[in-house]
C-alpha atoms as a PDB file:
ATOM      1  CA  MET A   1      88.975  77.696  91.388  1.00  0.00           C
ATOM      2  CA  HIS A   2      85.636  77.457  89.654  1.00  0.00           C
ATOM      3  CA  THR A   3      82.923  79.126  90.484  1.00  0.00           C
ATOM      4  CA  SER A   4      79.623  79.458  90.359  1.00  0.00           C
ATOM      5  CA  ASN A   5      79.016  83.106  90.540  1.00  0.00           C
ATOM      6  CA  SER A   6      82.371  85.681  91.253  1.00  0.00           C
ATOM      7  CA  CYS A   7      83.215  85.760  94.637  1.00  0.00           C
ATOM      8  CA  GLU A   8      85.191  88.627  94.499  1.00  0.00           C
ATOM      9  CA  TYR A   9      84.177  91.335  97.938  1.00  0.00           C
ATOM     10  CA  ASP A  10      84.949  95.059  98.270  1.00  0.00           C
ATOM     11  CA  ALA A  11      84.086  94.709 102.018  1.00  0.00           C
ATOM     12  CA  PHE A  12      84.536  98.544 101.881  1.00  0.00           C
ATOM     13  CA  GLU A  13      82.051  99.162  98.805  1.00  0.00           C
ATOM     14  CA  THR A  14      79.682  96.594  99.201  1.00  0.00           C
ATOM     15  CA  GLN A  15      78.085  98.042 102.128  1.00  0.00           C
ATOM     16  CA  ARG A  16      76.050  94.855 102.815  1.00  0.00           C
ATOM     17  CA  PRO A  17      75.825  91.169 104.376  1.00  0.00           C
ATOM     18  CA  THR A  18      77.479  89.052 101.670  1.00  0.00           C
ATOM     19  CA  LEU A  19      77.789  85.052 102.620  1.00  0.00           C
ATOM     20  CA  ALA A  20      79.847  82.888 100.315  1.00  0.00           C
ATOM     21  CA  LEU A  21      80.363  79.085 100.773  1.00  0.00           C
ATOM     22  CA  VAL A  22      83.797  77.805  99.509  1.00  0.00           C
ATOM     23  CA  THR A  23      84.505  73.516  99.038  1.00  0.00           C
ATOM     24  CA  GLY A  24      87.354  71.727  97.839  1.00  0.00           C
ATOM     25  CA  ARG A  25      89.118  68.722  99.070  1.00  0.00           C
ATOM     26  CA  ARG A  26      91.989  68.925 101.934  1.00  0.00           C
ATOM     27  CA  ARG A  27      95.270  70.168 101.283  1.00  0.00           C
ATOM     28  CA  VAL A  28      94.219  72.676  97.534  1.00  0.00           C
ATOM     29  CA  GLY A  29      94.781  76.039  99.675  1.00  0.00           C
ATOM     30  CA  LYS A  30      91.491  77.030 100.493  1.00  0.00           C
ATOM     31  CA  THR A  31      92.116  78.633 103.607  1.00  0.00           C
ATOM     32  CA  PHE A  32      95.606  80.310 102.502  1.00  0.00           C
ATOM     33  CA  LEU A  33      93.160  81.638  99.684  1.00  0.00           C
ATOM     34  CA  LEU A  34      91.077  82.527 102.502  1.00  0.00           C
ATOM     35  CA  THR A  35      93.628  84.121 105.139  1.00  0.00           C
ATOM     36  CA  HIS A  36      95.737  85.908 102.445  1.00  0.00           C
ATOM     37  CA  ALA A  37      92.659  87.042 100.163  1.00  0.00           C
ATOM     38  CA  TRP A  38      91.803  90.182 102.853  1.00  0.00           C
ATOM     39  CA  GLU A  39      93.714  92.595 105.118  1.00  0.00           C
ATOM     40  CA  ALA A  40      95.077  90.475 108.998  1.00  0.00           C
ATOM     41  CA  ASP A  41      92.476  93.254 110.451  1.00  0.00           C
ATOM     42  CA  HIS A  42      89.325  92.346 108.744  1.00  0.00           C
ATOM     43  CA  ILE A  43      89.539  88.826 109.186  1.00  0.00           C
ATOM     44  CA  PHE A  44      88.534  86.747 111.444  1.00  0.00           C
ATOM     45  CA  LEU A  45      89.535  82.925 110.585  1.00  0.00           C
ATOM     46  CA  PHE A  46      87.639  79.855 113.127  1.00  0.00           C
ATOM     47  CA  THR A  47      88.521  76.541 112.204  1.00  0.00           C
ATOM     48  CA  ALA A  48      86.265  73.796 113.769  1.00  0.00           C
ATOM     49  CA  ALA A  49      88.252  70.554 114.727  1.00  0.00           C
ATOM     50  CA  ARG A  50      86.837  67.122 114.515  1.00  0.00           C
ATOM     51  CA  THR A  51      84.397  67.106 118.161  1.00  0.00           C
ATOM     52  CA  THR A  52      82.047  67.775 119.266  1.00  0.00           C
ATOM     53  CA  PRO A  53      79.386  70.410 118.187  1.00  0.00           C
ATOM     54  CA  GLU A  54      79.670  72.219 121.776  1.00  0.00           C
ATOM     55  CA  LEU A  55      83.078  72.024 121.979  1.00  0.00           C
ATOM     56  CA  ASN A  56      83.434  74.296 118.791  1.00  0.00           C
ATOM     57  CA  ARG A  57      80.142  76.063 119.961  1.00  0.00           C
ATOM     58  CA  GLN A  58      82.539  77.184 123.052  1.00  0.00           C
ATOM     59  CA  GLN A  59      85.340  77.418 121.290  1.00  0.00           C
ATOM     60  CA  LEU A  60      84.296  79.582 118.384  1.00  0.00           C
ATOM     61  CA  ILE A  61      82.442  82.193 121.601  1.00  0.00           C
ATOM     62  CA  HIS A  62      86.159  82.617 123.153  1.00  0.00           C
ATOM     63  CA  ASP A  63      88.115  82.959 119.425  1.00  0.00           C
ATOM     64  CA  LEU A  64      85.670  85.881 118.512  1.00  0.00           C
ATOM     65  CA  ALA A  65      86.033  87.395 122.187  1.00  0.00           C
ATOM     66  CA  ALA A  66      89.802  87.422 121.554  1.00  0.00           C
ATOM     67  CA  TRP A  67      89.765  89.391 117.919  1.00  0.00           C
ATOM     68  CA  SER A  68      86.921  91.522 118.939  1.00  0.00           C
ATOM     69  CA  GLU A  69      86.563  92.246 122.493  1.00  0.00           C
ATOM     70  CA  ALA A  70      83.131  90.533 122.617  1.00  0.00           C
ATOM     71  CA  THR A  71      82.416  88.428 125.771  1.00  0.00           C
ATOM     72  CA  ASP A  72      83.362  84.788 125.847  1.00  0.00           C
ATOM     73  CA  ASP A  73      80.579  83.957 128.419  1.00  0.00           C
ATOM     74  CA  PRO A  74      79.417  80.541 126.175  1.00  0.00           C
ATOM     75  CA  ALA A  75      76.655  80.024 128.705  1.00  0.00           C
ATOM     76  CA  ASP A  76      75.693  84.309 127.350  1.00  0.00           C
ATOM     77  CA  PHE A  77      75.273  81.777 123.660  1.00  0.00           C
ATOM     78  CA  PRO A  78      73.528  78.619 124.895  1.00  0.00           C
ATOM     79  CA  SER A  79      72.449  78.066 121.283  1.00  0.00           C
ATOM     80  CA  TRP A  80      73.678  77.848 117.413  1.00  0.00           C
ATOM     81  CA  ARG A  81      71.331  81.562 116.539  1.00  0.00           C
ATOM     82  CA  THR A  82      72.585  82.988 119.745  1.00  0.00           C
ATOM     83  CA  VAL A  83      76.347  82.715 118.446  1.00  0.00           C
ATOM     84  CA  PHE A  84      75.683  83.924 114.983  1.00  0.00           C
ATOM     85  CA  ARG A  85      73.949  86.895 115.899  1.00  0.00           C
ATOM     86  CA  LEU A  86      77.522  87.450 118.220  1.00  0.00           C
ATOM     87  CA  LEU A  87      79.343  87.154 114.917  1.00  0.00           C
ATOM     88  CA  VAL A  88      76.614  89.876 113.368  1.00  0.00           C
ATOM     89  CA  ASP A  89      76.225  92.000 116.546  1.00  0.00           C
ATOM     90  CA  VAL A  90      80.152  91.636 116.277  1.00  0.00           C
ATOM     91  CA  ALA A  91      80.752  92.958 112.748  1.00  0.00           C
ATOM     92  CA  THR A  92      78.216  95.654 113.313  1.00  0.00           C
ATOM     93  CA  SER A  93      80.532  97.315 116.317  1.00  0.00           C
ATOM     94  CA  ARG A  94      83.361  96.985 114.184  1.00  0.00           C
ATOM     95  CA  ALA A  95      81.572  98.603 111.266  1.00  0.00           C
ATOM     96  CA  THR A  96      79.997 101.456 113.700  1.00  0.00           C
ATOM     97  CA  ALA A  97      83.280 102.453 114.973  1.00  0.00           C
ATOM     98  CA  ASP A  98      85.058 105.884 115.176  1.00  0.00           C
ATOM     99  CA  ARG A  99      87.052 103.651 112.400  1.00  0.00           C
ATOM    100  CA  PRO A 100      84.659 101.674 110.702  1.00  0.00           C
ATOM    101  CA  LYS A 101      86.250  98.013 109.571  1.00  0.00           C
ATOM    102  CA  PRO A 102      84.140  95.590 107.011  1.00  0.00           C
ATOM    103  CA  SER A 103      84.361  92.669 108.488  1.00  0.00           C
ATOM    104  CA  VAL A 104      85.520  89.700 106.803  1.00  0.00           C
ATOM    105  CA  VAL A 105      84.496  86.450 108.891  1.00  0.00           C
ATOM    106  CA  VAL A 106      85.778  82.539 107.653  1.00  0.00           C
ATOM    107  CA  LEU A 107      84.207  79.440 109.735  1.00  0.00           C
ATOM    108  CA  ASP A 108      86.855  77.326 108.092  1.00  0.00           C
ATOM    109  CA  GLU A 109      85.622  73.216 107.856  1.00  0.00           C
ATOM    110  CA  PHE A 110      82.272  74.240 109.154  1.00  0.00           C
ATOM    111  CA  GLN A 111      80.671  70.957 109.087  1.00  0.00           C
ATOM    112  CA  TYR A 112      82.801  69.833 112.397  1.00  0.00           C
ATOM    113  CA  LEU A 113      80.293  72.824 113.590  1.00  0.00           C
ATOM    114  CA  ALA A 114      77.046  69.656 113.142  1.00  0.00           C
ATOM    115  CA  ASP A 115      77.412  66.402 114.372  1.00  0.00           C
ATOM    116  CA  GLY A 116      76.028  64.980 110.650  1.00  0.00           C
ATOM    117  CA  ALA A 117      73.678  65.754 108.199  1.00  0.00           C
ATOM    118  CA  ALA A 118      70.864  66.078 110.082  1.00  0.00           C
ATOM    119  CA  GLY A 119      72.758  68.242 112.584  1.00  0.00           C
ATOM    120  CA  MET A 120      74.178  69.944 109.969  1.00  0.00           C
ATOM    121  CA  ALA A 121      70.452  71.266 108.415  1.00  0.00           C
ATOM    122  CA  ASP A 122      69.885  72.380 112.095  1.00  0.00           C
ATOM    123  CA  ILE A 123      73.093  74.226 112.162  1.00  0.00           C
ATOM    124  CA  ALA A 124      71.935  75.938 108.500  1.00  0.00           C
ATOM    125  CA  ALA A 125      68.698  76.102 109.971  1.00  0.00           C
ATOM    126  CA  GLU A 126      69.807  78.658 112.831  1.00  0.00           C
ATOM    127  CA  LEU A 127      72.411  80.521 110.898  1.00  0.00           C
ATOM    128  CA  ASN A 128      69.457  81.507 108.488  1.00  0.00           C
ATOM    129  CA  ALA A 129      67.261  83.113 110.754  1.00  0.00           C
ATOM    130  CA  VAL A 130      69.478  85.533 111.623  1.00  0.00           C
ATOM    131  CA  TRP A 131      71.504  85.574 107.960  1.00  0.00           C
ATOM    132  CA  GLU A 132      67.568  87.045 107.237  1.00  0.00           C
ATOM    133  CA  GLY A 133      66.044  88.179 110.014  1.00  0.00           C
ATOM    134  CA  ARG A 134      65.788  91.761 110.851  1.00  0.00           C
ATOM    135  CA  ALA A 135      68.470  91.910 113.343  1.00  0.00           C
ATOM    136  CA  LEU A 136      70.642  91.996 110.413  1.00  0.00           C
ATOM    137  CA  LYS A 137      69.086  94.366 108.229  1.00  0.00           C
ATOM    138  CA  ARG A 138      68.796  97.111 110.958  1.00  0.00           C
ATOM    139  CA  ALA A 139      72.098  96.497 111.956  1.00  0.00           C
ATOM    140  CA  ALA A 140      74.367  99.164 111.196  1.00  0.00           C
ATOM    141  CA  GLY A 141      71.816 101.373 109.785  1.00  0.00           C
ATOM    142  CA  GLY A 142      70.933  99.128 106.969  1.00  0.00           C
ATOM    143  CA  THR A 143      74.852  98.700 105.873  1.00  0.00           C
ATOM    144  CA  LEU A 144      76.606  95.650 106.714  1.00  0.00           C
ATOM    145  CA  PRO A 145      80.335  95.105 105.147  1.00  0.00           C
ATOM    146  CA  LEU A 146      80.266  91.876 106.282  1.00  0.00           C
ATOM    147  CA  LEU A 147      81.293  89.179 104.129  1.00  0.00           C
ATOM    148  CA  LEU A 148      80.709  85.590 106.350  1.00  0.00           C
ATOM    149  CA  VAL A 149      82.361  82.231 104.624  1.00  0.00           C
ATOM    150  CA  LEU A 150      81.440  79.017 105.200  1.00  0.00           C
ATOM    151  CA  ALA A 151      84.538  76.933 104.069  1.00  0.00           C
ATOM    152  CA  GLY A 152      84.920  72.844 104.315  1.00  0.00           C
ATOM    153  CA  SER A 153      86.655  69.746 103.373  1.00  0.00           C
ATOM    154  CA  GLU A 154      83.867  67.432 103.310  1.00  0.00           C
ATOM    155  CA  VAL A 155      82.952  68.485  99.576  1.00  0.00           C
ATOM    156  CA  THR A 156      79.228  67.203  99.599  1.00  0.00           C
ATOM    157  CA  SER A 157      78.486  67.883 102.808  1.00  0.00           C
ATOM    158  CA  MET A 158      79.050  71.800 101.785  1.00  0.00           C
ATOM    159  CA  GLN A 159      77.509  71.561  99.005  1.00  0.00           C
ATOM    160  CA  ALA A 160      73.964  70.172  99.890  1.00  0.00           C
ATOM    161  CA  LEU A 161      73.981  73.686 101.983  1.00  0.00           C
ATOM    162  CA  ALA A 162      73.679  74.816  98.779  1.00  0.00           C
ATOM    163  CA  SER A 163      71.729  72.845  97.430  1.00  0.00           C
ATOM    164  CA  GLY A 164      67.649  73.152  96.587  1.00  0.00           C
ATOM    165  CA  GLY A 165      65.279  72.703 100.011  1.00  0.00           C
ATOM    166  CA  SER A 166      68.463  73.827 101.998  1.00  0.00           C
ATOM    167  CA  PRO A 167      67.898  76.725 104.370  1.00  0.00           C
ATOM    168  CA  LEU A 168      70.818  78.184 102.472  1.00  0.00           C
ATOM    169  CA  ASP A 169      69.637  77.813  99.241  1.00  0.00           C
ATOM    170  CA  ASN A 170      69.206  80.941  98.225  1.00  0.00           C
ATOM    171  CA  GLY A 171      70.355  82.913  94.641  1.00  0.00           C
ATOM    172  CA  ASP A 172      71.796  85.725  96.625  1.00  0.00           C
ATOM    173  CA  ARG A 173      75.021  83.315  97.760  1.00  0.00           C
ATOM    174  CA  HIS A 174      78.297  83.224  96.142  1.00  0.00           C
ATOM    175  CA  ARG A 175      79.787  79.180  96.168  1.00  0.00           C
ATOM    176  CA  ALA A 176      83.623  78.543  94.912  1.00  0.00           C
ATOM    177  CA  ARG A 177      85.057  75.114  94.807  1.00  0.00           C
ATOM    178  CA  SER A 178      88.455  74.322  94.794  1.00  0.00           C
ATOM    179  CA  ASP A 179      90.081  71.347  92.609  1.00  0.00           C
ATOM    180  CA  SER A 180      93.408  70.136  91.718  1.00  0.00           C
END
């Protein structure tokens, strides 16, 4: 595993939202690593399929609702921005519950959420709007133990998310690349 920044994350100590990008070819162990690095009740894993962005959006909403008891009507979340807000709302709810829990949200095969490079840029812009927005900064009273991991096997597409000019290009992000 090659890292450009440390990817260690202790959701109980950090108390702030953290975004990480994990890239690597298929079958090198990214998903295994991501599903075994944290306690099972802290992690939500969604693996996008090579289908349409709309079907992936609907399935993500459904799976997140099953994990968190959030509403699962896709009509309530008509855009990627509203879906990303839902992720923050779920993390906030878990962090402010009687028994607070950190949230690790893994969006695996992230590149399949979009339709090509232009779609990827659009989804990244929607995510960035939520990530940099006031709602995230106010969530859970200013602290939010949330790790959002964007993982993917299309290395070039995933690396483009962190490249200069990308909506997610920010020095505060963690990046890891796995090779074998």
